[in-house]
Amino acid sequence: PTWPAITDEIPALIGRLGTVVDDHFEFLPGPDEP
């Protein structure tokens, strides 16, 4: 039930795992079919 809304919070989750130099996020195969 949380999909795909929960992905909005993934960048913040990763940010709490360590000091991020750079990151990249994407839906596969694409945002229209996540």
Full PDB file with SEQRES, HELIX, SHEET, SSBOND, CRYST1, ORIGX, SCALE, CONECT and MASTER records, all heavy atoms in Angstrom:
SEQRES   1 A   34  PRO THR TRP PRO ALA ILE THR ASP GLU ILE PRO ALA LEU          
SEQRES   2 A   34  ILE GLY ARG LEU GLY THR VAL VAL ASP ASP HIS PHE GLU          
SEQRES   3 A   34  PHE LEU PRO GLY PRO ASP GLU PRO                              
HELIX    1 AA1 ALA A    5  GLU A    9  5                                   5    
HELIX    2 AA2 ILE A   10  GLY A   15  1                                   6    
CRYST1    1.000    1.000    1.000  90.00  90.00  90.00 P 1           1          
ORIGX1      1.000000  0.000000  0.000000        0.00000                         
ORIGX2      0.000000  1.000000  0.000000        0.00000                         
ORIGX3      0.000000  0.000000  1.000000        0.00000                         
SCALE1      1.000000  0.000000  0.000000        0.00000                         
SCALE2      0.000000  1.000000  0.000000        0.00000                         
SCALE3      0.000000  0.000000  1.000000        0.00000                         
ATOM      1  N   PRO A   1       0.808  -1.235   0.000  1.00  0.00           N  
ATOM      2  CA  PRO A   1       0.000   0.000   0.000  1.00  0.00           C  
ATOM      3  C   PRO A   1       0.835   1.276   0.000  1.00  0.00           C  
ATOM      4  O   PRO A   1       0.309   2.357  -0.304  1.00  0.00           O  
ATOM      5  CB  PRO A   1      -0.825  -0.127   1.299  1.00  0.00           C  
ATOM      6  CG  PRO A   1      -0.829  -1.585   1.615  1.00  0.00           C  
ATOM      7  CD  PRO A   1       0.507  -2.079   1.169  1.00  0.00           C  
ATOM      8  N   THR A   2       2.103   1.180   0.358  1.00  0.00           N  
ATOM      9  CA  THR A   2       2.935   2.384   0.456  1.00  0.00           C  
ATOM     10  C   THR A   2       3.619   2.738  -0.859  1.00  0.00           C  
ATOM     11  O   THR A   2       4.255   3.789  -0.953  1.00  0.00           O  
ATOM     12  CB  THR A   2       4.021   2.194   1.533  1.00  0.00           C  
ATOM     13  OG1 THR A   2       4.980   1.235   1.084  1.00  0.00           O  
ATOM     14  CG2 THR A   2       3.408   1.727   2.828  1.00  0.00           C  
ATOM     15  N   TRP A   3       3.505   1.868  -1.847  1.00  0.00           N  
ATOM     16  CA  TRP A   3       4.196   2.069  -3.120  1.00  0.00           C  
ATOM     17  C   TRP A   3       3.339   2.886  -4.092  1.00  0.00           C  
ATOM     18  O   TRP A   3       2.146   2.641  -4.201  1.00  0.00           O  
ATOM     19  CB  TRP A   3       4.506   0.710  -3.755  1.00  0.00           C  
ATOM     20  CG  TRP A   3       5.175   0.802  -5.098  1.00  0.00           C  
ATOM     21  CD1 TRP A   3       4.582   0.703  -6.330  1.00  0.00           C  
ATOM     22  CD2 TRP A   3       6.557   1.035  -5.334  1.00  0.00           C  
ATOM     23  NE1 TRP A   3       5.502   0.859  -7.318  1.00  0.00           N  
ATOM     24  CE2 TRP A   3       6.734   1.069  -6.740  1.00  0.00           C  
ATOM     25  CE3 TRP A   3       7.659   1.235  -4.509  1.00  0.00           C  
ATOM     26  CZ2 TRP A   3       7.975   1.286  -7.334  1.00  0.00           C  
ATOM     27  CZ3 TRP A   3       8.897   1.433  -5.098  1.00  0.00           C  
ATOM     28  CH2 TRP A   3       9.042   1.460  -6.488  1.00  0.00           C  
ATOM     29  N   PRO A   4       3.890   3.878  -4.789  1.00  0.00           N  
ATOM     30  CA  PRO A   4       5.288   4.313  -4.789  1.00  0.00           C  
ATOM     31  C   PRO A   4       5.558   5.540  -3.905  1.00  0.00           C  
ATOM     32  O   PRO A   4       6.646   6.097  -3.954  1.00  0.00           O  
ATOM     33  CB  PRO A   4       5.511   4.663  -6.263  1.00  0.00           C  
ATOM     34  CG  PRO A   4       4.201   5.236  -6.695  1.00  0.00           C  
ATOM     35  CD  PRO A   4       3.145   4.465  -5.936  1.00  0.00           C  
ATOM     36  N   ALA A   5       4.542   5.950  -3.115  1.00  0.00           N  
ATOM     37  CA  ALA A   5       4.689   7.189  -2.352  1.00  0.00           C  
ATOM     38  C   ALA A   5       5.902   7.165  -1.426  1.00  0.00           C  
ATOM     39  O   ALA A   5       6.562   8.190  -1.210  1.00  0.00           O  
ATOM     40  CB  ALA A   5       3.411   7.446  -1.550  1.00  0.00           C  
ATOM     41  N   ILE A   6       6.232   5.980  -0.897  1.00  0.00           N  
ATOM     42  CA  ILE A   6       7.342   5.897   0.059  1.00  0.00           C  
ATOM     43  C   ILE A   6       8.686   6.307  -0.555  1.00  0.00           C  
ATOM     44  O   ILE A   6       9.603   6.723   0.154  1.00  0.00           O  
ATOM     45  CB  ILE A   6       7.433   4.465   0.626  1.00  0.00           C  
ATOM     46  CG1 ILE A   6       8.358   4.436   1.841  1.00  0.00           C  
ATOM     47  CG2 ILE A   6       7.873   3.481  -0.446  1.00  0.00           C  
ATOM     48  CD1 ILE A   6       8.388   3.099   2.547  1.00  0.00           C  
ATOM     49  N   THR A   7       8.787   6.223  -1.880  1.00  0.00           N  
ATOM     50  CA  THR A   7      10.066   6.564  -2.514  1.00  0.00           C  
ATOM     51  C   THR A   7      10.426   8.036  -2.329  1.00  0.00           C  
ATOM     52  O   THR A   7      11.600   8.403  -2.438  1.00  0.00           O  
ATOM     53  CB  THR A   7      10.039   6.232  -4.012  1.00  0.00           C  
ATOM     54  OG1 THR A   7       8.980   6.959  -4.649  1.00  0.00           O  
ATOM     55  CG2 THR A   7       9.828   4.745  -4.223  1.00  0.00           C  
ATOM     56  N   ASP A   8       9.441   8.886  -2.037  1.00  0.00           N  
ATOM     57  CA  ASP A   8       9.736  10.298  -1.770  1.00  0.00           C  
ATOM     58  C   ASP A   8      10.640  10.462  -0.549  1.00  0.00           C  
ATOM     59  O   ASP A   8      11.342  11.469  -0.423  1.00  0.00           O  
ATOM     60  CB  ASP A   8       8.440  11.085  -1.548  1.00  0.00           C  
ATOM     61  CG  ASP A   8       7.599  11.187  -2.821  1.00  0.00           C  
ATOM     62  OD1 ASP A   8       8.175  11.028  -3.918  1.00  0.00           O  
ATOM     63  OD2 ASP A   8       6.384  11.431  -2.710  1.00  0.00           O  
ATOM     64  N   GLU A   9      10.611   9.480   0.346  1.00  0.00           N  
ATOM     65  CA  GLU A   9      11.375   9.585   1.588  1.00  0.00           C  
ATOM     66  C   GLU A   9      12.718   8.860   1.535  1.00  0.00           C  
ATOM     67  O   GLU A   9      13.503   8.940   2.482  1.00  0.00           O  
ATOM     68  CB  GLU A   9      10.533   9.035   2.743  1.00  0.00           C  
ATOM     69  CG  GLU A   9       9.201   9.772   2.918  1.00  0.00           C  
ATOM     70  CD  GLU A   9       8.339   9.141   3.994  1.00  0.00           C  
ATOM     71  OE1 GLU A   9       8.854   8.893   5.106  1.00  0.00           O  
ATOM     72  OE2 GLU A   9       7.149   8.875   3.726  1.00  0.00           O  
ATOM     73  N   ILE A  10      12.985   8.167   0.446  1.00  0.00           N  
ATOM     74  CA  ILE A  10      14.232   7.405   0.351  1.00  0.00           C  
ATOM     75  C   ILE A  10      15.471   8.305   0.362  1.00  0.00           C  
ATOM     76  O   ILE A  10      16.467   7.989   1.031  1.00  0.00           O  
ATOM     77  CB  ILE A  10      14.221   6.497  -0.890  1.00  0.00           C  
ATOM     78  CG1 ILE A  10      13.104   5.442  -0.766  1.00  0.00           C  
ATOM     79  CG2 ILE A  10      15.576   5.824  -1.074  1.00  0.00           C  
ATOM     80  CD1 ILE A  10      13.241   4.531   0.442  1.00  0.00           C  
ATOM     81  N   PRO A  11      15.479   9.444  -0.353  1.00  0.00           N  
ATOM     82  CA  PRO A  11      16.671  10.298  -0.282  1.00  0.00           C  
ATOM     83  C   PRO A  11      17.013  10.731   1.138  1.00  0.00           C  
ATOM     84  O   PRO A  11      18.196  10.738   1.521  1.00  0.00           O  
ATOM     85  CB  PRO A  11      16.286  11.503  -1.156  1.00  0.00           C  
ATOM     86  CG  PRO A  11      15.318  10.933  -2.155  1.00  0.00           C  
ATOM     87  CD  PRO A  11      14.510   9.937  -1.366  1.00  0.00           C  
ATOM     88  N   ALA A  12      15.996  11.074   1.944  1.00  0.00           N  
ATOM     89  CA  ALA A  12      16.266  11.476   3.329  1.00  0.00           C  
ATOM     90  C   ALA A  12      16.787  10.300   4.145  1.00  0.00           C  
ATOM     91  O   ALA A  12      17.677  10.461   4.989  1.00  0.00           O  
ATOM     92  CB  ALA A  12      14.988  12.037   3.956  1.00  0.00           C  
ATOM     93  N   LEU A  13      16.246   9.102   3.890  1.00  0.00           N  
ATOM     94  CA  LEU A  13      16.726   7.904   4.582  1.00  0.00           C  
ATOM     95  C   LEU A  13      18.204   7.673   4.300  1.00  0.00           C  
ATOM     96  O   LEU A  13      18.993   7.424   5.217  1.00  0.00           O  
ATOM     97  CB  LEU A  13      15.899   6.689   4.145  1.00  0.00           C  
ATOM     98  CG  LEU A  13      16.421   5.316   4.590  1.00  0.00           C  
ATOM     99  CD1 LEU A  13      16.425   5.208   6.111  1.00  0.00           C  
ATOM    100  CD2 LEU A  13      15.592   4.195   3.970  1.00  0.00           C  
ATOM    101  N   ILE A  14      18.577   7.770   3.040  1.00  0.00           N  
ATOM    102  CA  ILE A  14      19.981   7.567   2.673  1.00  0.00           C  
ATOM    103  C   ILE A  14      20.866   8.640   3.286  1.00  0.00           C  
ATOM    104  O   ILE A  14      21.990   8.374   3.712  1.00  0.00           O  
ATOM    105  CB  ILE A  14      20.122   7.523   1.136  1.00  0.00           C  
ATOM    106  CG1 ILE A  14      19.494   6.236   0.615  1.00  0.00           C  
ATOM    107  CG2 ILE A  14      21.583   7.634   0.707  1.00  0.00           C  
ATOM    108  CD1 ILE A  14      19.499   6.106  -0.885  1.00  0.00           C  
ATOM    109  N   GLY A  15      20.357   9.851   3.358  1.00  0.00           N  
ATOM    110  CA  GLY A  15      21.115  10.930   3.966  1.00  0.00           C  
ATOM    111  C   GLY A  15      21.444  10.684   5.425  1.00  0.00           C  
ATOM    112  O   GLY A  15      22.433  11.224   5.946  1.00  0.00           O  
ATOM    113  N   ARG A  16      20.638   9.865   6.105  1.00  0.00           N  
ATOM    114  CA  ARG A  16      20.896   9.551   7.516  1.00  0.00           C  
ATOM    115  C   ARG A  16      21.886   8.395   7.683  1.00  0.00           C  
ATOM    116  O   ARG A  16      22.310   8.100   8.808  1.00  0.00           O  
ATOM    117  CB  ARG A  16      19.578   9.216   8.222  1.00  0.00           C  
ATOM    118  CG  ARG A  16      18.651  10.423   8.379  1.00  0.00           C  
ATOM    119  CD  ARG A  16      17.495  10.124   9.324  1.00  0.00           C  
ATOM    120  NE  ARG A  16      16.556   9.177   8.760  1.00  0.00           N  
ATOM    121  CZ  ARG A  16      15.506   9.511   8.013  1.00  0.00           C  
ATOM    122  NH1 ARG A  16      15.294  10.789   7.708  1.00  0.00           N  
ATOM    123  NH2 ARG A  16      14.673   8.597   7.545  1.00  0.00           N  
ATOM    124  N   LEU A  17      22.254   7.751   6.575  1.00  0.00           N  
ATOM    125  CA  LEU A  17      23.188   6.627   6.653  1.00  0.00           C  
ATOM    126  C   LEU A  17      24.649   7.082   6.634  1.00  0.00           C  
ATOM    127  O   LEU A  17      25.542   6.310   6.959  1.00  0.00           O  
ATOM    128  CB  LEU A  17      22.950   5.653   5.499  1.00  0.00           C  
ATOM    129  CG  LEU A  17      21.546   5.034   5.400  1.00  0.00           C  
ATOM    130  CD1 LEU A  17      21.468   4.118   4.185  1.00  0.00           C  
ATOM    131  CD2 LEU A  17      21.189   4.283   6.674  1.00  0.00           C  
ATOM    132  N   GLY A  18      24.899   8.308   6.216  1.00  0.00           N  
ATOM    133  CA  GLY A  18      26.261   8.813   6.143  1.00  0.00           C  
ATOM    134  C   GLY A  18      26.285  10.142   5.423  1.00  0.00           C  
ATOM    135  O   GLY A  18      25.247  10.650   4.971  1.00  0.00           O  
ATOM    136  N   THR A  19      27.469  10.746   5.310  1.00  0.00           N  
ATOM    137  CA  THR A  19      27.628  12.016   4.611  1.00  0.00           C  
ATOM    138  C   THR A  19      27.703  11.750   3.120  1.00  0.00           C  
ATOM    139  O   THR A  19      28.639  11.108   2.640  1.00  0.00           O  
ATOM    140  CB  THR A  19      28.898  12.739   5.084  1.00  0.00           C  
ATOM    141  OG1 THR A  19      28.824  12.949   6.492  1.00  0.00           O  
ATOM    142  CG2 THR A  19      29.045  14.080   4.387  1.00  0.00           C  
ATOM    143  N   VAL A  20      26.709  12.223   2.385  1.00  0.00           N  
ATOM    144  CA  VAL A  20      26.578  11.922   0.967  1.00  0.00           C  
ATOM    145  C   VAL A  20      27.350  12.940   0.130  1.00  0.00           C  
ATOM    146  O   VAL A  20      27.164  14.147   0.272  1.00  0.00           O  
ATOM    147  CB  VAL A  20      25.093  11.910   0.544  1.00  0.00           C  
ATOM    148  CG1 VAL A  20      24.958  11.691  -0.958  1.00  0.00           C  
ATOM    149  CG2 VAL A  20      24.333  10.826   1.311  1.00  0.00           C  
ATOM    150  N   VAL A  21      28.209  12.430  -0.753  1.00  0.00           N  
ATOM    151  CA  VAL A  21      28.934  13.282  -1.699  1.00  0.00           C  
ATOM    152  C   VAL A  21      28.059  13.576  -2.912  1.00  0.00           C  
ATOM    153  O   VAL A  21      27.974  14.711  -3.383  1.00  0.00           O  
ATOM    154  CB  VAL A  21      30.238  12.597  -2.153  1.00  0.00           C  
ATOM    155  CG1 VAL A  21      30.944  13.416  -3.239  1.00  0.00           C  
ATOM    156  CG2 VAL A  21      31.171  12.372  -0.977  1.00  0.00           C  
ATOM    157  N   ASP A  22      27.391  12.557  -3.417  1.00  0.00           N  
ATOM    158  CA  ASP A  22      26.512  12.706  -4.577  1.00  0.00           C  
ATOM    159  C   ASP A  22      25.520  11.555  -4.568  1.00  0.00           C  
ATOM    160  O   ASP A  22      25.764  10.513  -3.937  1.00  0.00           O  
ATOM    161  CB  ASP A  22      27.318  12.696  -5.875  1.00  0.00           C  
ATOM    162  CG  ASP A  22      26.566  13.318  -7.046  1.00  0.00           C  
ATOM    163  OD1 ASP A  22      25.406  13.736  -6.852  1.00  0.00           O  
ATOM    164  OD2 ASP A  22      27.130  13.380  -8.157  1.00  0.00           O  
ATOM    165  N   ASP A  23      24.392  11.753  -5.245  1.00  0.00           N  
ATOM    166  CA  ASP A  23      23.392  10.687  -5.300  1.00  0.00           C  
ATOM    167  C   ASP A  23      22.624  10.758  -6.605  1.00  0.00           C  
ATOM    168  O   ASP A  23      22.717  11.730  -7.360  1.00  0.00           O  
ATOM    169  CB  ASP A  23      22.439  10.750  -4.094  1.00  0.00           C  
ATOM    170  CG  ASP A  23      21.791  12.130  -3.925  1.00  0.00           C  
ATOM    171  OD1 ASP A  23      21.566  12.811  -4.949  1.00  0.00           O  
ATOM    172  OD2 ASP A  23      21.518  12.525  -2.779  1.00  0.00           O  
ATOM    173  N   HIS A  24      21.866   9.714  -6.866  1.00  0.00           N  
ATOM    174  CA  HIS A  24      21.066   9.627  -8.088  1.00  0.00           C  
ATOM    175  C   HIS A  24      19.855   8.755  -7.794  1.00  0.00           C  
ATOM    176  O   HIS A  24      19.983   7.689  -7.175  1.00  0.00           O  
ATOM    177  CB  HIS A  24      21.878   9.014  -9.227  1.00  0.00           C  
ATOM    178  CG  HIS A  24      21.068   8.761 -10.460  1.00  0.00           C  
ATOM    179  ND1 HIS A  24      20.675   9.762 -11.321  1.00  0.00           N  
ATOM    180  CD2 HIS A  24      20.563   7.599 -10.984  1.00  0.00           C  
ATOM    181  CE1 HIS A  24      19.975   9.249 -12.314  1.00  0.00           C  
ATOM    182  NE2 HIS A  24      19.883   7.935 -12.127  1.00  0.00           N  
ATOM    183  N   PHE A  25      18.680   9.195  -8.251  1.00  0.00           N  
ATOM    184  CA  PHE A  25      17.445   8.461  -8.007  1.00  0.00           C  
ATOM    185  C   PHE A  25      16.636   8.401  -9.296  1.00  0.00           C  
ATOM    186  O   PHE A  25      16.549   9.387 -10.031  1.00  0.00           O  
ATOM    187  CB  PHE A  25      16.618   9.136  -6.904  1.00  0.00           C  
ATOM    188  CG  PHE A  25      17.369   9.348  -5.619  1.00  0.00           C  
ATOM    189  CD1 PHE A  25      17.942  10.580  -5.334  1.00  0.00           C  
ATOM    190  CD2 PHE A  25      17.520   8.318  -4.713  1.00  0.00           C  
ATOM    191  CE1 PHE A  25      18.650  10.785  -4.160  1.00  0.00           C  
ATOM    192  CE2 PHE A  25      18.229   8.499  -3.534  1.00  0.00           C  
ATOM    193  CZ  PHE A  25      18.790   9.740  -3.256  1.00  0.00           C  
ATOM    194  N   GLU A  26      16.018   7.235  -9.549  1.00  0.00           N  
ATOM    195  CA  GLU A  26      15.187   7.101 -10.743  1.00  0.00           C  
ATOM    196  C   GLU A  26      14.241   5.916 -10.603  1.00  0.00           C  
ATOM    197  O   GLU A  26      14.545   4.922  -9.926  1.00  0.00           O  
ATOM    198  CB  GLU A  26      16.049   6.918 -11.989  1.00  0.00           C  
ATOM    199  CG  GLU A  26      16.893   5.648 -11.985  1.00  0.00           C  
ATOM    200  CD  GLU A  26      17.685   5.455 -13.262  1.00  0.00           C  
ATOM    201  OE1 GLU A  26      17.238   5.938 -14.323  1.00  0.00           O  
ATOM    202  OE2 GLU A  26      18.762   4.829 -13.195  1.00  0.00           O  
ATOM    203  N   PHE A  27      13.075   6.036 -11.281  1.00  0.00           N  
ATOM    204  CA  PHE A  27      12.163   4.910 -11.396  1.00  0.00           C  
ATOM    205  C   PHE A  27      12.549   4.091 -12.629  1.00  0.00           C  
ATOM    206  O   PHE A  27      12.936   4.640 -13.661  1.00  0.00           O  
ATOM    207  CB  PHE A  27      10.718   5.386 -11.558  1.00  0.00           C  
ATOM    208  CG  PHE A  27      10.053   5.792 -10.271  1.00  0.00           C  
ATOM    209  CD1 PHE A  27       9.733   7.120 -10.029  1.00  0.00           C  
ATOM    210  CD2 PHE A  27       9.752   4.845  -9.308  1.00  0.00           C  
ATOM    211  CE1 PHE A  27       9.113   7.497  -8.856  1.00  0.00           C  
ATOM    212  CE2 PHE A  27       9.123   5.203  -8.116  1.00  0.00           C  
ATOM    213  CZ  PHE A  27       8.805   6.539  -7.889  1.00  0.00           C  
ATOM    214  N   LEU A  28      12.436   2.777 -12.516  1.00  0.00           N  
ATOM    215  CA  LEU A  28      12.677   1.883 -13.635  1.00  0.00           C  
ATOM    216  C   LEU A  28      11.431   1.045 -13.882  1.00  0.00           C  
ATOM    217  O   LEU A  28      10.808   0.590 -12.923  1.00  0.00           O  
ATOM    218  CB  LEU A  28      13.872   0.966 -13.332  1.00  0.00           C  
ATOM    219  CG  LEU A  28      15.215   1.676 -13.096  1.00  0.00           C  
ATOM    220  CD1 LEU A  28      16.270   0.665 -12.682  1.00  0.00           C  
ATOM    221  CD2 LEU A  28      15.670   2.425 -14.333  1.00  0.00           C  
ATOM    222  N   PRO A  29      10.994   0.861 -15.128  1.00  0.00           N  
ATOM    223  CA  PRO A  29      11.634   1.363 -16.339  1.00  0.00           C  
ATOM    224  C   PRO A  29      11.454   2.853 -16.576  1.00  0.00           C  
ATOM    225  O   PRO A  29      12.117   3.415 -17.437  1.00  0.00           O  
ATOM    226  CB  PRO A  29      10.950   0.556 -17.441  1.00  0.00           C  
ATOM    227  CG  PRO A  29       9.602   0.241 -16.898  1.00  0.00           C  
ATOM    228  CD  PRO A  29       9.810   0.026 -15.427  1.00  0.00           C  
ATOM    229  N   GLY A  30      10.538   3.515 -15.852  1.00  0.00           N  
ATOM    230  CA  GLY A  30      10.348   4.944 -16.007  1.00  0.00           C  
ATOM    231  C   GLY A  30       9.295   5.436 -15.041  1.00  0.00           C  
ATOM    232  O   GLY A  30       8.583   4.639 -14.400  1.00  0.00           O  
ATOM    233  N   PRO A  31       9.147   6.756 -14.903  1.00  0.00           N  
ATOM    234  CA  PRO A  31       8.185   7.299 -13.934  1.00  0.00           C  
ATOM    235  C   PRO A  31       6.733   6.958 -14.248  1.00  0.00           C  
ATOM    236  O   PRO A  31       5.890   6.955 -13.351  1.00  0.00           O  
ATOM    237  CB  PRO A  31       8.441   8.817 -14.008  1.00  0.00           C  
ATOM    238  CG  PRO A  31       9.109   9.034 -15.338  1.00  0.00           C  
ATOM    239  CD  PRO A  31       9.913   7.804 -15.603  1.00  0.00           C  
ATOM    240  N   ASP A  32       6.427   6.680 -15.527  1.00  0.00           N  
ATOM    241  CA  ASP A  32       5.050   6.329 -15.885  1.00  0.00           C  
ATOM    242  C   ASP A  32       4.710   4.875 -15.537  1.00  0.00           C  
ATOM    243  O   ASP A  32       3.537   4.525 -15.415  1.00  0.00           O  
ATOM    244  CB  ASP A  32       4.820   6.560 -17.385  1.00  0.00           C  
ATOM    245  CG  ASP A  32       4.940   8.027 -17.761  1.00  0.00           C  
ATOM    246  OD1 ASP A  32       4.667   8.879 -16.896  1.00  0.00           O  
ATOM    247  OD2 ASP A  32       5.321   8.318 -18.915  1.00  0.00           O  
ATOM    248  N   GLU A  33       5.760   4.044 -15.397  1.00  0.00           N  
ATOM    249  CA  GLU A  33       5.574   2.640 -15.022  1.00  0.00           C  
ATOM    250  C   GLU A  33       6.576   2.298 -13.926  1.00  0.00           C  
ATOM    251  O   GLU A  33       7.550   1.576 -14.159  1.00  0.00           O  
ATOM    252  CB  GLU A  33       5.777   1.719 -16.226  1.00  0.00           C  
ATOM    253  CG  GLU A  33       4.828   1.971 -17.377  1.00  0.00           C  
ATOM    254  CD  GLU A  33       5.097   1.041 -18.542  1.00  0.00           C  
ATOM    255  OE1 GLU A  33       4.969  -0.184 -18.356  1.00  0.00           O  
ATOM    256  OE2 GLU A  33       5.453   1.534 -19.620  1.00  0.00           O  
ATOM    257  N   PRO A  34       6.352   2.794 -12.729  1.00  0.00           N  
ATOM    258  CA  PRO A  34       7.350   2.632 -11.653  1.00  0.00           C  
ATOM    259  C   PRO A  34       7.356   1.237 -11.042  1.00  0.00           C  
ATOM    260  O   PRO A  34       6.742   0.985 -10.003  1.00  0.00           O  
ATOM    261  CB  PRO A  34       6.923   3.686 -10.636  1.00  0.00           C  
ATOM    262  CG  PRO A  34       5.442   3.794 -10.810  1.00  0.00           C  
ATOM    263  CD  PRO A  34       5.189   3.579 -12.285  1.00  0.00           C  
TER     264      PRO A  34                                                      
MASTER        0    0    0    2    0    0    0    6  263    1    0    3          
END                                                                             
